[in-house]
C-alpha atoms as a PDB file:
ATOM      1  CA  MET A   1      10.640 -20.371  22.208  1.00  0.00           C
ATOM      2  CA  ASN A   2      11.946 -17.889  24.721  1.00  0.00           C
ATOM      3  CA  LEU A   3       8.956 -17.854  27.087  1.00  0.00           C
ATOM      4  CA  THR A   4       8.641 -17.287  30.808  1.00  0.00           C
ATOM      5  CA  VAL A   5       6.062 -18.674  33.190  1.00  0.00           C
ATOM      6  CA  THR A   6       4.535 -16.396  35.791  1.00  0.00           C
ATOM      7  CA  GLU A   7       1.753 -16.889  38.307  1.00  0.00           C
ATOM      8  CA  LYS A   8      -1.092 -14.552  39.106  1.00  0.00           C
ATOM      9  CA  ALA A   9      -4.068 -15.385  41.302  1.00  0.00           C
ATOM     10  CA  GLY A  10      -2.788 -18.957  41.537  1.00  0.00           C
ATOM     11  CA  LEU A  11      -2.831 -19.443  37.750  1.00  0.00           C
ATOM     12  CA  ARG A  12       0.134 -19.936  35.451  1.00  0.00           C
ATOM     13  CA  LEU A  13       0.662 -17.643  32.497  1.00  0.00           C
ATOM     14  CA  VAL A  14       3.057 -18.297  29.640  1.00  0.00           C
ATOM     15  CA  GLU A  15       4.558 -14.954  28.644  1.00  0.00           C
ATOM     16  CA  GLY A  16       6.528 -13.874  25.615  1.00  0.00           C
ATOM     17  CA  PRO A  17       9.456 -11.466  25.902  1.00  0.00           C
ATOM     18  CA  PRO A  18       8.275  -7.870  25.268  1.00  0.00           C
ATOM     19  CA  GLY A  19      10.584  -6.978  22.374  1.00  0.00           C
ATOM     20  CA  GLU A  20      11.352 -10.277  20.688  1.00  0.00           C
ATOM     21  CA  GLN A  21       9.813 -12.058  17.722  1.00  0.00           C
ATOM     22  CA  LEU A  22       8.685 -15.582  18.618  1.00  0.00           C
ATOM     23  CA  MET A  23       6.672 -16.519  15.559  1.00  0.00           C
ATOM     24  CA  ARG A  24       8.048 -16.241  12.057  1.00  0.00           C
ATOM     25  CA  THR A  25       5.146 -18.151  10.458  1.00  0.00           C
ATOM     26  CA  SER A  26       1.682 -19.131  11.616  1.00  0.00           C
ATOM     27  CA  ASP A  27       2.963 -22.696  12.069  1.00  0.00           C
ATOM     28  CA  ASP A  28       5.002 -21.456  15.037  1.00  0.00           C
ATOM     29  CA  ALA A  29       1.750 -21.247  17.030  1.00  0.00           C
ATOM     30  CA  VAL A  30       2.217 -24.973  17.669  1.00  0.00           C
ATOM     31  CA  SER A  31       5.305 -24.174  19.734  1.00  0.00           C
ATOM     32  CA  LEU A  32       3.236 -21.816  21.877  1.00  0.00           C
ATOM     33  CA  VAL A  33       0.629 -24.535  22.390  1.00  0.00           C
ATOM     34  CA  GLU A  34       3.379 -26.964  23.409  1.00  0.00           C
ATOM     35  CA  ALA A  35       4.852 -24.415  25.835  1.00  0.00           C
ATOM     36  CA  CYS A  36       1.442 -23.840  27.417  1.00  0.00           C
ATOM     37  CA  PHE A  37       0.801 -27.554  27.842  1.00  0.00           C
ATOM     38  CA  SER A  38       4.336 -28.200  29.141  1.00  0.00           C
ATOM     39  CA  ASN A  39       3.764 -25.555  31.788  1.00  0.00           C
ATOM     40  CA  MET A  40       0.201 -26.645  32.597  1.00  0.00           C
ATOM     41  CA  SER A  41      -1.316 -23.363  31.450  1.00  0.00           C
ATOM     42  CA  LEU A  42      -4.120 -22.386  29.119  1.00  0.00           C
ATOM     43  CA  ARG A  43      -3.206 -18.693  29.242  1.00  0.00           C
ATOM     44  CA  ALA A  44      -0.683 -16.783  27.161  1.00  0.00           C
ATOM     45  CA  LEU A  45       0.437 -13.181  27.389  1.00  0.00           C
ATOM     46  CA  LEU A  46       2.039 -12.008  24.164  1.00  0.00           C
ATOM     47  CA  TYR A  47       3.439  -8.717  22.956  1.00  0.00           C
ATOM     48  CA  ALA A  48       3.010  -7.349  19.434  1.00  0.00           C
ATOM     49  CA  PRO A  49       6.674  -8.048  18.478  1.00  0.00           C
ATOM     50  CA  ASN A  50       6.162 -11.734  19.446  1.00  0.00           C
ATOM     51  CA  LEU A  51       3.869 -12.261  16.451  1.00  0.00           C
ATOM     52  CA  THR A  52       4.514 -12.780  12.758  1.00  0.00           C
ATOM     53  CA  ALA A  53       5.356  -9.766  10.619  1.00  0.00           C
ATOM     54  CA  ARG A  54       1.954  -9.801   8.883  1.00  0.00           C
ATOM     55  CA  PHE A  55      -0.234 -10.797  11.839  1.00  0.00           C
ATOM     56  CA  PHE A  56      -1.973  -7.404  11.913  1.00  0.00           C
ATOM     57  CA  ASP A  57      -2.903  -7.601   8.211  1.00  0.00           C
ATOM     58  CA  LEU A  58      -5.970  -9.826   8.253  1.00  0.00           C
ATOM     59  CA  SER A  59      -5.685 -10.507   4.509  1.00  0.00           C
ATOM     60  CA  SER A  60      -2.441 -12.433   5.143  1.00  0.00           C
ATOM     61  CA  GLY A  61      -4.346 -15.171   6.989  1.00  0.00           C
ATOM     62  CA  GLU A  62      -1.681 -15.311   9.698  1.00  0.00           C
ATOM     63  CA  ALA A  63      -3.869 -13.931  12.497  1.00  0.00           C
ATOM     64  CA  GLY A  64      -6.671 -16.339  11.620  1.00  0.00           C
ATOM     65  CA  ALA A  65      -4.382 -19.366  11.510  1.00  0.00           C
ATOM     66  CA  ILE A  66      -2.634 -18.512  14.772  1.00  0.00           C
ATOM     67  CA  LEU A  67      -5.779 -17.630  16.699  1.00  0.00           C
ATOM     68  CA  GLN A  68      -7.628 -20.688  15.398  1.00  0.00           C
ATOM     69  CA  LYS A  69      -4.802 -22.979  16.524  1.00  0.00           C
ATOM     70  CA  LEU A  70      -4.799 -21.429  20.001  1.00  0.00           C
ATOM     71  CA  ARG A  71      -8.592 -21.497  20.249  1.00  0.00           C
ATOM     72  CA  GLN A  72      -8.607 -25.161  19.184  1.00  0.00           C
ATOM     73  CA  TYR A  73      -6.616 -25.933  22.340  1.00  0.00           C
ATOM     74  CA  ARG A  74      -8.631 -23.472  24.484  1.00  0.00           C
ATOM     75  CA  ILE A  75      -5.683 -21.177  25.098  1.00  0.00           C
ATOM     76  CA  ARG A  76      -6.681 -17.633  26.079  1.00  0.00           C
ATOM     77  CA  VAL A  77      -4.420 -14.980  24.609  1.00  0.00           C
ATOM     78  CA  ALA A  78      -3.919 -11.447  25.854  1.00  0.00           C
ATOM     79  CA  LEU A  79      -1.937  -9.290  23.461  1.00  0.00           C
ATOM     80  CA  VAL A  80      -0.110  -6.199  24.674  1.00  0.00           C
ATOM     81  CA  CYS A  81      -0.141  -3.706  21.848  1.00  0.00           C
ATOM     82  CA  PRO A  82      -0.014  -0.023  22.868  1.00  0.00           C
ATOM     83  CA  THR A  83      -1.838   2.407  20.600  1.00  0.00           C
ATOM     84  CA  GLY A  84       0.377   3.483  17.725  1.00  0.00           C
ATOM     85  CA  SER A  85       2.914   0.697  18.152  1.00  0.00           C
ATOM     86  CA  VAL A  86       1.503  -1.326  15.250  1.00  0.00           C
ATOM     87  CA  GLN A  87      -0.560  -0.411  12.199  1.00  0.00           C
ATOM     88  CA  PHE A  88      -3.770  -2.497  12.070  1.00  0.00           C
ATOM     89  CA  THR A  89      -5.616  -3.012   8.821  1.00  0.00           C
ATOM     90  CA  GLU A  90      -9.266  -2.015   8.944  1.00  0.00           C
ATOM     91  CA  ARG A  91     -10.342  -5.673   8.779  1.00  0.00           C
ATOM     92  CA  PHE A  92      -7.963  -6.631  11.584  1.00  0.00           C
ATOM     93  CA  GLN A  93      -9.478  -3.917  13.782  1.00  0.00           C
ATOM     94  CA  GLU A  94     -12.969  -5.252  13.017  1.00  0.00           C
ATOM     95  CA  MET A  95     -11.857  -8.778  13.945  1.00  0.00           C
ATOM     96  CA  ALA A  96     -10.213  -7.548  17.159  1.00  0.00           C
ATOM     97  CA  ASN A  97     -13.387  -5.696  18.156  1.00  0.00           C
ATOM     98  CA  GLU A  98     -15.436  -8.844  17.579  1.00  0.00           C
ATOM     99  CA  GLU A  99     -12.956 -11.012  19.496  1.00  0.00           C
ATOM    100  CA  ALA A 100     -13.022  -8.580  22.438  1.00  0.00           C
ATOM    101  CA  ARG A 101     -16.592  -9.713  23.145  1.00  0.00           C
ATOM    102  CA  GLY A 102     -15.420 -13.276  23.748  1.00  0.00           C
ATOM    103  CA  GLN A 103     -13.035 -14.988  26.143  1.00  0.00           C
ATOM    104  CA  HIS A 104     -10.255 -16.159  23.812  1.00  0.00           C
ATOM    105  CA  PHE A 105      -8.379 -13.104  22.545  1.00  0.00           C
ATOM    106  CA  HIS A 106      -8.134  -9.516  23.678  1.00  0.00           C
ATOM    107  CA  ILE A 107      -5.766  -6.609  23.012  1.00  0.00           C
ATOM    108  CA  PHE A 108      -4.460  -4.410  25.833  1.00  0.00           C
ATOM    109  CA  GLU A 109      -2.401  -1.219  26.160  1.00  0.00           C
ATOM    110  CA  SER A 110      -0.164  -2.676  28.891  1.00  0.00           C
ATOM    111  CA  ALA A 111       0.714  -5.964  30.557  1.00  0.00           C
ATOM    112  CA  GLU A 112      -1.012  -5.621  33.929  1.00  0.00           C
ATOM    113  CA  PRO A 113      -4.584  -5.299  32.578  1.00  0.00           C
ATOM    114  CA  ALA A 114      -3.765  -8.198  30.251  1.00  0.00           C
ATOM    115  CA  ARG A 115      -2.740 -10.347  33.224  1.00  0.00           C
ATOM    116  CA  GLU A 116      -5.912  -9.345  35.068  1.00  0.00           C
ATOM    117  CA  TRP A 117      -8.072 -10.394  32.110  1.00  0.00           C
ATOM    118  CA  LEU A 118      -6.234 -13.693  31.719  1.00  0.00           C
ATOM    119  CA  THR A 119      -6.889 -14.601  35.341  1.00  0.00           C
ATOM    120  CA  SER A 120     -10.476 -13.369  35.518  1.00  0.00           C
ATOM    121  CA  GLY A 121     -13.282 -15.827  34.961  1.00  0.00           C
ATOM    122  CA  ALA A 122     -10.898 -18.710  35.478  1.00  0.00           C
END
């Protein structure tokens, strides 16, 4: 996986490249887990293009499988997905709203607020 490691507030973040697909299937989430552990980080900043083609269609099961794998290893994920860049299904939007109340997954318009969230409540 083509990931970079950055630091903010003394914490390491594993970050995907803004315009590149990293995951072709939900099984590729394991590579993200490995990258986080290799870099001693439990925080990942991803961009919408980093995810599988059907991630934003909740009926595909891809979002559930990926997020469950990351949650299993306590990896917090901030997703940069500007409004209008991706079409969410209604069910995906409901899931994202529910997830936003927790500390594992949140969607942001830009990278800097995503980094702030990842490093808050460390």
